[in-house]
Amino acid sequence: MFGIVYGSDSDNKIMNRFVDEYELWCNEGKNPDIASIDLDFALDLQKKRLDEKGVKIQTAFTDKETVKNEVPVNACTAYDMGECKSNIASKTYEVTEKYFKDGKKKKKIKDRFFFYTMITRLENRNSEVACSCPNCGAVSSVRELLDGCKNCKTRFIMDDLFPKVTNFYFVKTYSLANKSTKKVLAPYLLGGIAAVAAFTVWTVVKDGTFDPATANMLYEIGIRVIPVLLGGLLAGYLAWALKTLFGLFVGVAKSIPMIGPHFNCQKRLPWLMKEVNPNFSYEYFIGKVLALLKIMIFSDDYTNLAVYEGAPTENPFGDIVDIKYRGVSKLNSFNVTNGCCYVDMTVYATTVKNKNSSFRVKNEKFRLTVCRSVNAMDDGVFTMKKVTCKSCGASFDATRERNCPYCGNPYHLGNDDWVVVSFGKG
């Protein structure tokens, strides 16, 4: 109905596991076991930023048990050349985040989000796709790990290595669905009763006909308690409804200027890309751009960053400690030059910035140009970096390093995957 495609029970179990492990990363710093080496890298960069600034973000998916058995929506599925299959699954969660500075709580944010996770499954057991050994952490190809890790000699089955969560992102939703109605309404209903009760007492006292010395108190209270309760409940409910509607209208009003550019991007980019990649997936591509955006924001040194192949520059966003996608992107330009495809985009996001002991939430725009070799376009879900140096044949983790640590020659990730060639404010 309505074109919604639901995922599988397997996707649901993976999402539930990742939610638990992501909470653990936020609260204790332990990387999710189900995360890919790419995702590990991005989380390590953000964790380093948080530690350097003395910041901790406690995250709780407060209604995860309520939606635990709900089957996620499948946003898209993308394939590569017989190696991997990736699909983006999503659920709606209520998320509470508490921001601490040097051990003291400074800010709390509670909202509802669409939570998207990219789940990648490997379909070729002889693949050269890179994977971290679950036992010792050494990077090897899947084929090597199935035969036995060359470092610790441990052998694995495919279920030990895949599926993996290779990306995730949040998009704020203004939907009221799945809200905990009792928790949301209770303060408004109690406040309404208190307000009506106070108003009733005030009117009785002001009237001047009430004499406590001669009045039958039980009777006076009894004839007013039911009207006070009913009137208070009604007043509280109306106050909640008006506040909620106002919040929805404000959210929609803020989004109106972005609707045109977003729909243009969503329609035009797939049309442009079909000439170089007939299997292009808009949802997968946006997920990739958001992953690159996070790496660029949280990396302190671009000189040896594999995903950046632009002019030397310093990171101007050192005060950002968290970022969430606002669900809107703008296509600025698209061109194919010298066998490379260039996509210039503006991404709308909400950031949390830390300066001294204060935190500030701000809506911002980031502009980045990404590039990829046209010859690599069919390799649609290249999310785990190859580890073989084309110059000397040595293996290394190309996710974290641009230059081969053995021969020093650069590894050009743009030959295999999307890389950033320019980055800054939108």
Protein backbone atom coordinates (compact mmCIF):
# COMPACT_ATOMS: atom_id res chain seq x y z
CA MET A 1 0.00 0.00 0.00
CA PHE A 2 1.20 3.51 -0.86
CA GLY A 3 4.31 2.00 -2.49
CA ILE A 4 5.91 1.05 0.85
CA VAL A 5 8.34 -1.87 0.65
CA TYR A 6 9.08 -3.65 3.92
CA GLY A 7 12.33 -5.30 4.83
CA SER A 8 12.86 -8.77 6.24
CA ASP A 9 12.89 -10.22 9.73
CA SER A 10 16.66 -10.53 9.30
CA ASP A 11 16.90 -6.75 8.67
CA ASN A 12 14.86 -6.14 11.81
CA LYS A 13 17.20 -8.25 13.95
CA ILE A 14 20.23 -6.45 12.53
CA MET A 15 18.66 -3.03 13.16
CA ASN A 16 17.77 -3.98 16.75
CA ARG A 17 21.32 -5.22 17.33
CA PHE A 18 22.88 -2.10 15.82
CA VAL A 19 20.65 0.20 17.91
CA ASP A 20 21.86 -1.57 21.07
CA GLU A 21 25.51 -1.46 19.96
CA TYR A 22 25.29 2.18 18.85
CA GLU A 23 23.91 3.12 22.28
CA LEU A 24 26.87 1.28 23.80
CA TRP A 25 29.29 3.25 21.59
CA CYS A 26 27.71 6.54 22.67
CA ASN A 27 27.67 5.66 26.36
CA GLU A 28 30.84 3.59 26.77
CA GLY A 29 32.90 4.14 23.61
CA LYS A 30 32.83 0.53 22.36
CA ASN A 31 32.56 0.32 18.57
CA PRO A 32 29.64 -1.78 17.26
CA ASP A 33 30.71 -5.34 16.44
CA ILE A 34 28.35 -5.35 13.48
CA ALA A 35 29.84 -2.17 11.96
CA SER A 36 32.04 -2.33 8.85
CA ILE A 37 35.65 -1.10 8.91
CA ASP A 38 34.51 2.07 7.10
CA LEU A 39 31.91 2.81 9.75
CA ASP A 40 34.42 2.00 12.49
CA PHE A 41 36.70 4.67 11.01
CA ALA A 42 33.99 7.34 10.99
CA LEU A 43 32.99 6.53 14.57
CA ASP A 44 36.64 6.60 15.67
CA LEU A 45 37.03 10.10 14.19
CA GLN A 46 33.97 11.40 16.03
CA LYS A 47 35.02 9.69 19.28
CA LYS A 48 38.46 11.33 19.00
CA ARG A 49 36.80 14.74 18.57
CA LEU A 50 34.57 14.14 21.60
CA ASP A 51 37.47 12.97 23.79
CA GLU A 52 39.66 15.93 22.81
CA LYS A 53 36.91 18.37 23.81
CA GLY A 54 35.96 16.51 26.99
CA VAL A 55 32.46 15.88 25.62
CA LYS A 56 30.27 12.83 26.06
CA ILE A 57 26.92 12.18 24.37
CA GLN A 58 24.64 9.74 26.16
CA THR A 59 22.11 8.38 23.66
CA ALA A 60 18.97 6.35 24.35
CA PHE A 61 16.44 5.02 21.84
CA THR A 62 13.72 5.43 24.45
CA ASP A 63 10.98 3.47 22.66
CA LYS A 64 13.15 0.73 21.12
CA GLU A 65 11.36 -2.03 23.05
CA THR A 66 7.99 -0.77 21.78
CA VAL A 67 9.04 -0.96 18.11
CA LYS A 68 11.37 -3.94 18.50
CA ASN A 69 9.13 -6.29 16.53
CA GLU A 70 8.13 -3.82 13.82
CA VAL A 71 9.50 -4.77 10.41
CA PRO A 72 11.61 -1.91 9.00
CA VAL A 73 10.81 -0.14 5.73
CA ASN A 74 13.23 -0.95 2.90
CA ALA A 75 14.20 2.37 1.27
CA CYS A 76 16.29 0.82 -1.51
CA THR A 77 18.45 -2.13 -2.56
CA ALA A 78 21.70 -1.81 -4.52
CA TYR A 79 23.97 -4.47 -6.03
CA ASP A 80 27.54 -4.52 -7.21
CA MET A 81 29.29 -6.88 -9.62
CA GLY A 82 28.14 -10.09 -7.90
CA GLU A 83 30.01 -9.28 -4.69
CA CYS A 84 27.63 -7.51 -2.30
CA LYS A 85 24.01 -6.56 -1.86
CA SER A 86 23.13 -3.53 0.28
CA ASN A 87 19.73 -2.34 1.37
CA ILE A 88 18.75 0.68 3.45
CA ALA A 89 16.26 -0.18 6.18
CA SER A 90 14.52 2.42 8.34
CA LYS A 91 12.42 2.68 11.48
CA THR A 92 11.07 5.59 13.50
CA TYR A 93 12.47 6.05 17.00
CA GLU A 94 12.21 8.51 19.85
CA VAL A 95 15.80 9.44 20.68
CA THR A 96 17.04 11.20 23.81
CA GLU A 97 20.55 12.67 23.81
CA LYS A 98 22.30 14.18 26.83
CA TYR A 99 25.41 16.26 26.24
CA PHE A 100 28.08 16.36 28.96
CA LYS A 101 31.12 18.62 29.25
CA ASP A 102 33.85 17.48 31.64
CA GLY A 103 31.35 15.19 33.35
CA LYS A 104 28.61 17.82 33.81
CA LYS A 105 25.32 17.62 31.90
CA LYS A 106 24.84 20.76 29.83
CA LYS A 107 22.12 19.98 27.28
CA LYS A 108 19.34 17.50 26.59
CA ILE A 109 17.65 16.93 23.22
CA LYS A 110 14.64 14.66 22.75
CA ASP A 111 13.07 14.16 19.33
CA ARG A 112 11.72 11.66 16.84
CA PHE A 113 13.79 10.48 13.90
CA PHE A 114 13.70 8.19 10.92
CA PHE A 115 16.75 6.03 11.61
CA TYR A 116 18.32 4.64 8.41
CA THR A 117 20.82 1.78 8.44
CA MET A 118 22.63 0.43 5.38
CA ILE A 119 22.94 -3.34 5.70
CA THR A 120 25.46 -5.05 3.41
CA ARG A 121 25.53 -8.76 2.69
CA LEU A 122 28.28 -10.58 0.82
CA GLU A 123 27.18 -12.97 -1.93
CA ASN A 124 30.59 -14.26 -3.03
CA ARG A 125 32.66 -16.25 -0.51
CA ASN A 126 35.76 -15.90 -2.72
CA SER A 127 35.57 -12.13 -2.54
CA GLU A 128 38.63 -9.89 -2.09
CA VAL A 129 36.48 -7.39 -0.16
CA ALA A 130 38.35 -6.22 2.94
CA CYS A 131 37.15 -7.18 6.40
CA SER A 132 38.55 -6.93 9.93
CA CYS A 133 39.30 -10.21 11.69
CA PRO A 134 36.70 -10.54 14.49
CA ASN A 135 39.37 -12.14 16.70
CA CYS A 136 42.50 -9.96 16.34
CA GLY A 137 41.32 -7.00 14.21
CA ALA A 138 43.83 -7.52 11.37
CA VAL A 139 42.54 -6.50 7.93
CA SER A 140 42.33 -9.27 5.35
CA SER A 141 40.16 -10.25 2.43
CA VAL A 142 37.03 -12.29 3.10
CA ARG A 143 38.50 -15.20 1.16
CA GLU A 144 41.58 -15.21 3.41
CA LEU A 145 39.53 -15.07 6.61
CA LEU A 146 37.41 -18.02 5.53
CA ASP A 147 40.64 -20.00 5.04
CA GLY A 148 42.17 -18.65 8.26
CA CYS A 149 43.38 -15.21 9.39
CA LYS A 150 47.03 -14.79 8.34
CA ASN A 151 47.74 -13.00 11.61
CA CYS A 152 46.04 -15.10 14.32
CA LYS A 153 45.19 -18.20 12.18
CA THR A 154 41.53 -18.19 13.32
CA ARG A 155 39.09 -19.57 10.75
CA PHE A 156 35.59 -18.18 10.29
CA ILE A 157 32.31 -18.97 8.59
CA MET A 158 30.52 -16.37 6.47
CA ASP A 159 28.00 -15.59 9.24
CA ASP A 160 30.89 -14.40 11.43
CA LEU A 161 31.87 -11.77 8.85
CA PHE A 162 28.62 -10.65 7.23
CA PRO A 163 26.12 -8.99 7.15
CA LYS A 164 27.57 -5.67 8.28
CA VAL A 165 26.08 -2.24 8.92
CA THR A 166 28.08 -0.01 6.58
CA ASN A 167 26.35 3.33 7.18
CA PHE A 168 23.59 5.00 9.21
CA TYR A 169 21.96 8.39 9.55
CA PHE A 170 19.08 10.18 11.27
CA VAL A 171 16.36 12.33 9.66
CA LYS A 172 14.05 14.29 11.97
CA THR A 173 10.34 13.56 11.60
CA TYR A 174 7.41 15.69 12.70
CA SER A 175 5.09 12.66 12.76
CA LEU A 176 3.12 12.00 15.95
CA ALA A 177 2.99 8.27 15.28
CA ASN A 178 4.29 5.98 18.03
CA LYS A 179 4.63 8.80 20.56
CA SER A 180 4.19 7.76 24.18
CA THR A 181 0.87 9.55 24.60
CA LYS A 182 0.67 9.11 28.37
CA LYS A 183 4.12 10.63 28.96
CA VAL A 184 3.49 13.51 26.56
CA LEU A 185 -0.03 14.40 27.72
CA ALA A 186 0.35 13.91 31.48
CA PRO A 187 2.02 17.29 32.27
CA TYR A 188 -0.55 19.16 30.15
CA LEU A 189 -3.54 17.38 31.73
CA LEU A 190 -2.27 17.91 35.29
CA GLY A 191 -1.45 21.51 34.49
CA GLY A 192 -4.92 22.03 33.04
CA ILE A 193 -6.59 20.63 36.17
CA ALA A 194 -4.42 22.80 38.42
CA ALA A 195 -5.19 25.91 36.34
CA VAL A 196 -8.96 25.30 36.32
CA ALA A 197 -8.93 24.53 40.06
CA ALA A 198 -7.05 27.75 40.79
CA PHE A 199 -9.45 29.72 38.59
CA THR A 200 -12.46 28.18 40.36
CA VAL A 201 -11.09 29.08 43.82
CA TRP A 202 -10.35 32.61 42.63
CA THR A 203 -13.87 33.17 41.28
CA VAL A 204 -15.49 31.82 44.47
CA VAL A 205 -13.36 34.04 46.70
CA LYS A 206 -13.86 37.07 44.46
CA ASP A 207 -17.66 36.57 44.50
CA GLY A 208 -17.65 37.24 48.25
CA THR A 209 -20.66 35.03 49.05
CA PHE A 210 -18.60 32.07 50.26
CA ASP A 211 -18.20 31.93 54.06
CA PRO A 212 -15.89 29.13 55.24
CA ALA A 213 -17.36 29.34 58.77
CA THR A 214 -20.90 28.46 57.70
CA ALA A 215 -20.42 26.66 54.36
CA ASN A 216 -20.71 22.87 53.98
CA MET A 217 -17.16 22.23 52.69
CA LEU A 218 -17.81 18.67 51.51
CA TYR A 219 -20.81 19.85 49.51
CA GLU A 220 -18.98 22.89 48.06
CA ILE A 221 -16.02 20.74 46.98
CA GLY A 222 -18.23 17.91 45.72
CA ILE A 223 -20.30 20.07 43.37
CA ARG A 224 -17.13 21.54 41.84
CA VAL A 225 -14.71 18.60 41.64
CA ILE A 226 -16.27 16.97 38.56
CA PRO A 227 -16.47 20.24 36.54
CA VAL A 228 -12.89 21.09 37.59
CA LEU A 229 -11.58 17.68 36.51
CA LEU A 230 -13.43 17.67 33.19
CA GLY A 231 -12.62 21.30 32.45
CA GLY A 232 -8.98 20.79 33.43
CA LEU A 233 -8.59 17.71 31.23
CA LEU A 234 -10.16 19.54 28.29
CA ALA A 235 -8.02 22.64 28.82
CA GLY A 236 -4.84 20.57 29.13
CA TYR A 237 -5.62 18.55 26.02
CA LEU A 238 -6.37 21.70 24.00
CA ALA A 239 -3.10 23.28 25.19
CA TRP A 240 -1.16 20.17 24.09
CA ALA A 241 -2.95 20.06 20.72
CA LEU A 242 -2.30 23.76 20.01
CA LYS A 243 1.39 23.46 20.97
CA THR A 244 1.80 20.34 18.81
CA LEU A 245 0.09 21.89 15.80
CA PHE A 246 2.15 25.05 16.19
CA GLY A 247 5.34 22.96 16.25
CA LEU A 248 4.25 21.11 13.12
CA PHE A 249 3.43 24.34 11.27
CA VAL A 250 6.75 25.89 12.28
CA GLY A 251 8.64 22.80 11.11
CA VAL A 252 6.80 22.76 7.78
CA ALA A 253 7.28 26.51 7.30
CA LYS A 254 11.03 26.20 7.84
CA SER A 255 11.16 23.39 5.27
CA ILE A 256 9.22 25.18 2.50
CA PRO A 257 12.26 27.01 0.99
CA MET A 258 14.11 23.69 0.76
CA ILE A 259 11.35 21.65 -0.89
CA GLY A 260 11.99 22.85 -4.47
CA PRO A 261 15.79 22.24 -4.51
CA HIS A 262 15.33 18.89 -2.80
CA PHE A 263 12.77 17.51 -5.25
CA ASN A 264 14.83 18.85 -8.14
CA CYS A 265 17.86 16.97 -6.82
CA GLN A 266 15.85 13.80 -6.18
CA LYS A 267 14.45 13.82 -9.73
CA ARG A 268 17.30 15.29 -11.77
CA LEU A 269 20.32 13.45 -10.34
CA PRO A 270 19.10 9.90 -11.20
CA TRP A 271 18.25 11.13 -14.71
CA LEU A 272 21.77 12.54 -15.16
CA MET A 273 23.48 9.53 -13.60
CA LYS A 274 21.71 6.93 -15.74
CA GLU A 275 24.07 7.74 -18.61
CA VAL A 276 27.11 6.63 -16.61
CA ASN A 277 25.48 4.17 -14.19
CA PRO A 278 22.14 2.54 -15.13
CA ASN A 279 21.99 0.94 -11.65
CA PHE A 280 22.29 4.27 -9.80
CA SER A 281 20.40 4.44 -6.48
CA TYR A 282 19.62 7.92 -5.15
CA GLU A 283 19.08 6.72 -1.57
CA TYR A 284 22.36 4.80 -1.56
CA PHE A 285 24.24 7.76 -3.03
CA ILE A 286 22.88 10.19 -0.41
CA GLY A 287 23.92 7.76 2.31
CA LYS A 288 27.41 7.71 0.82
CA VAL A 289 27.57 11.53 0.67
CA LEU A 290 26.48 11.77 4.32
CA ALA A 291 29.18 9.28 5.35
CA LEU A 292 31.81 11.36 3.52
CA LEU A 293 30.43 14.54 5.12
CA LYS A 294 30.87 13.07 8.61
CA ILE A 295 34.43 11.99 7.87
CA MET A 296 35.32 15.45 6.55
CA ILE A 297 33.78 17.18 9.58
CA PHE A 298 35.39 14.98 12.23
CA SER A 299 38.82 14.48 10.63
CA ASP A 300 41.49 16.83 11.98
CA ASP A 301 44.06 16.05 9.27
CA TYR A 302 43.20 15.86 5.56
CA THR A 303 46.79 15.23 4.37
CA ASN A 304 46.60 11.44 4.63
CA LEU A 305 42.82 11.04 4.37
CA ALA A 306 41.95 8.55 1.65
CA VAL A 307 38.48 9.96 0.96
CA TYR A 308 39.82 13.49 0.26
CA GLU A 309 41.62 14.27 -3.01
CA GLY A 310 41.20 18.03 -3.10
CA ALA A 311 43.52 20.98 -2.55
CA PRO A 312 45.36 21.15 0.82
CA THR A 313 43.14 22.75 3.43
CA GLU A 314 42.43 22.79 7.16
CA ASN A 315 39.22 21.65 8.81
CA PRO A 316 37.18 24.74 9.78
CA PHE A 317 34.56 22.73 11.68
CA GLY A 318 36.50 21.72 14.79
CA ASP A 319 33.72 22.87 17.13
CA ILE A 320 31.11 20.41 15.76
CA VAL A 321 30.57 17.37 18.01
CA ASP A 322 27.44 15.91 16.39
CA ILE A 323 25.53 16.22 13.12
CA LYS A 324 22.18 15.00 11.79
CA TYR A 325 20.81 15.15 8.24
CA ARG A 326 17.70 17.30 7.75
CA GLY A 327 16.50 15.13 4.85
CA VAL A 328 17.24 17.78 2.21
CA SER A 329 19.96 18.00 -0.46
CA LYS A 330 20.47 20.40 -3.35
CA LEU A 331 22.18 19.57 -6.65
CA ASN A 332 24.44 22.43 -7.72
CA SER A 333 26.12 20.89 -10.77
CA PHE A 334 26.92 17.61 -12.51
CA ASN A 335 29.54 16.85 -15.14
CA VAL A 336 31.71 14.09 -16.55
CA THR A 337 35.28 15.13 -17.34
CA ASN A 338 38.31 13.00 -18.31
CA GLY A 339 36.63 9.77 -17.33
CA CYS A 340 35.49 11.04 -13.91
CA CYS A 341 32.01 11.95 -12.71
CA TYR A 342 31.71 15.07 -10.53
CA VAL A 343 28.63 15.84 -8.41
CA ASP A 344 28.47 19.17 -6.57
CA MET A 345 25.87 19.15 -3.77
CA THR A 346 24.66 21.18 -0.81
CA VAL A 347 23.57 19.15 2.22
CA TYR A 348 21.25 20.62 4.85
CA ALA A 349 22.03 19.41 8.37
CA THR A 350 21.58 20.20 12.05
CA THR A 351 24.80 20.41 14.02
CA VAL A 352 25.64 20.50 17.71
CA LYS A 353 28.61 22.74 18.45
CA ASN A 354 30.66 22.91 21.62
CA LYS A 355 32.57 26.01 22.64
CA ASN A 356 33.96 26.28 26.16
CA SER A 357 31.22 24.77 28.35
CA SER A 358 28.19 25.55 26.18
CA PHE A 359 26.44 23.61 23.41
CA ARG A 360 24.58 25.22 20.53
CA VAL A 361 22.21 23.56 18.05
CA LYS A 362 22.30 25.14 14.61
CA ASN A 363 20.84 24.43 11.17
CA GLU A 364 23.65 24.62 8.61
CA LYS A 365 24.46 23.97 4.96
CA PHE A 366 27.55 22.15 3.74
CA ARG A 367 28.75 22.13 0.15
CA LEU A 368 30.88 19.33 -1.18
CA THR A 369 31.89 18.02 -4.58
CA VAL A 370 32.35 14.27 -4.87
CA CYS A 371 34.09 12.44 -7.69
CA ARG A 372 34.38 8.87 -8.94
CA SER A 373 35.86 7.12 -11.94
CA VAL A 374 33.22 6.32 -14.56
CA ASN A 375 34.87 2.91 -15.02
CA ALA A 376 34.04 2.03 -11.39
CA MET A 377 30.37 2.98 -11.58
CA ASP A 378 29.14 -0.61 -11.86
CA ASP A 379 30.76 -1.38 -8.52
CA GLY A 380 27.70 0.10 -6.92
CA VAL A 381 28.19 -0.68 -3.25
CA PHE A 382 31.97 -0.47 -2.81
CA THR A 383 31.80 0.31 0.90
CA MET A 384 34.79 -1.62 2.20
CA LYS A 385 38.11 -0.46 0.83
CA LYS A 386 40.48 -2.67 -1.10
CA VAL A 387 43.68 -3.42 0.80
CA THR A 388 46.14 -4.29 -1.97
CA CYS A 389 48.59 -1.59 -3.08
CA LYS A 390 48.68 -1.51 -6.87
CA SER A 391 52.34 -0.45 -6.78
CA CYS A 392 53.96 -2.99 -4.46
CA GLY A 393 51.18 -5.51 -3.78
CA ALA A 394 51.26 -5.00 0.00
CA SER A 395 48.04 -5.10 2.05
CA PHE A 396 46.91 -2.22 4.25
CA ASP A 397 43.73 -0.52 5.44
CA ALA A 398 43.01 2.04 2.73
CA THR A 399 40.08 3.36 4.76
CA ARG A 400 42.44 5.15 7.14
CA GLU A 401 45.46 5.88 4.97
CA ARG A 402 45.96 7.50 1.57
CA ASN A 403 49.57 6.37 1.08
CA CYS A 404 50.79 2.78 1.22
CA PRO A 405 52.81 2.43 4.46
CA TYR A 406 55.25 0.05 2.72
CA CYS A 407 56.22 1.81 -0.52
CA GLY A 408 54.78 5.29 0.13
CA ASN A 409 52.87 5.48 -3.15
CA PRO A 410 49.37 7.00 -3.00
CA TYR A 411 46.26 4.83 -3.23
CA HIS A 412 43.72 6.64 -5.38
CA LEU A 413 40.40 5.71 -3.83
CA GLY A 414 38.57 7.66 -6.54
CA ASN A 415 39.34 4.81 -8.92
CA ASP A 416 37.04 2.60 -6.86
CA ASP A 417 34.70 4.77 -4.82
CA TRP A 418 33.35 8.28 -4.30
CA VAL A 419 35.87 10.76 -2.88
CA VAL A 420 35.62 14.44 -1.88
CA VAL A 421 37.45 16.97 -4.06
CA SER A 422 36.08 20.16 -2.44
CA PHE A 423 34.37 20.87 0.86
CA GLY A 424 33.15 23.88 2.85
CA LYS A 425 30.13 25.84 4.04
CA GLY A 426 27.07 25.89 1.78
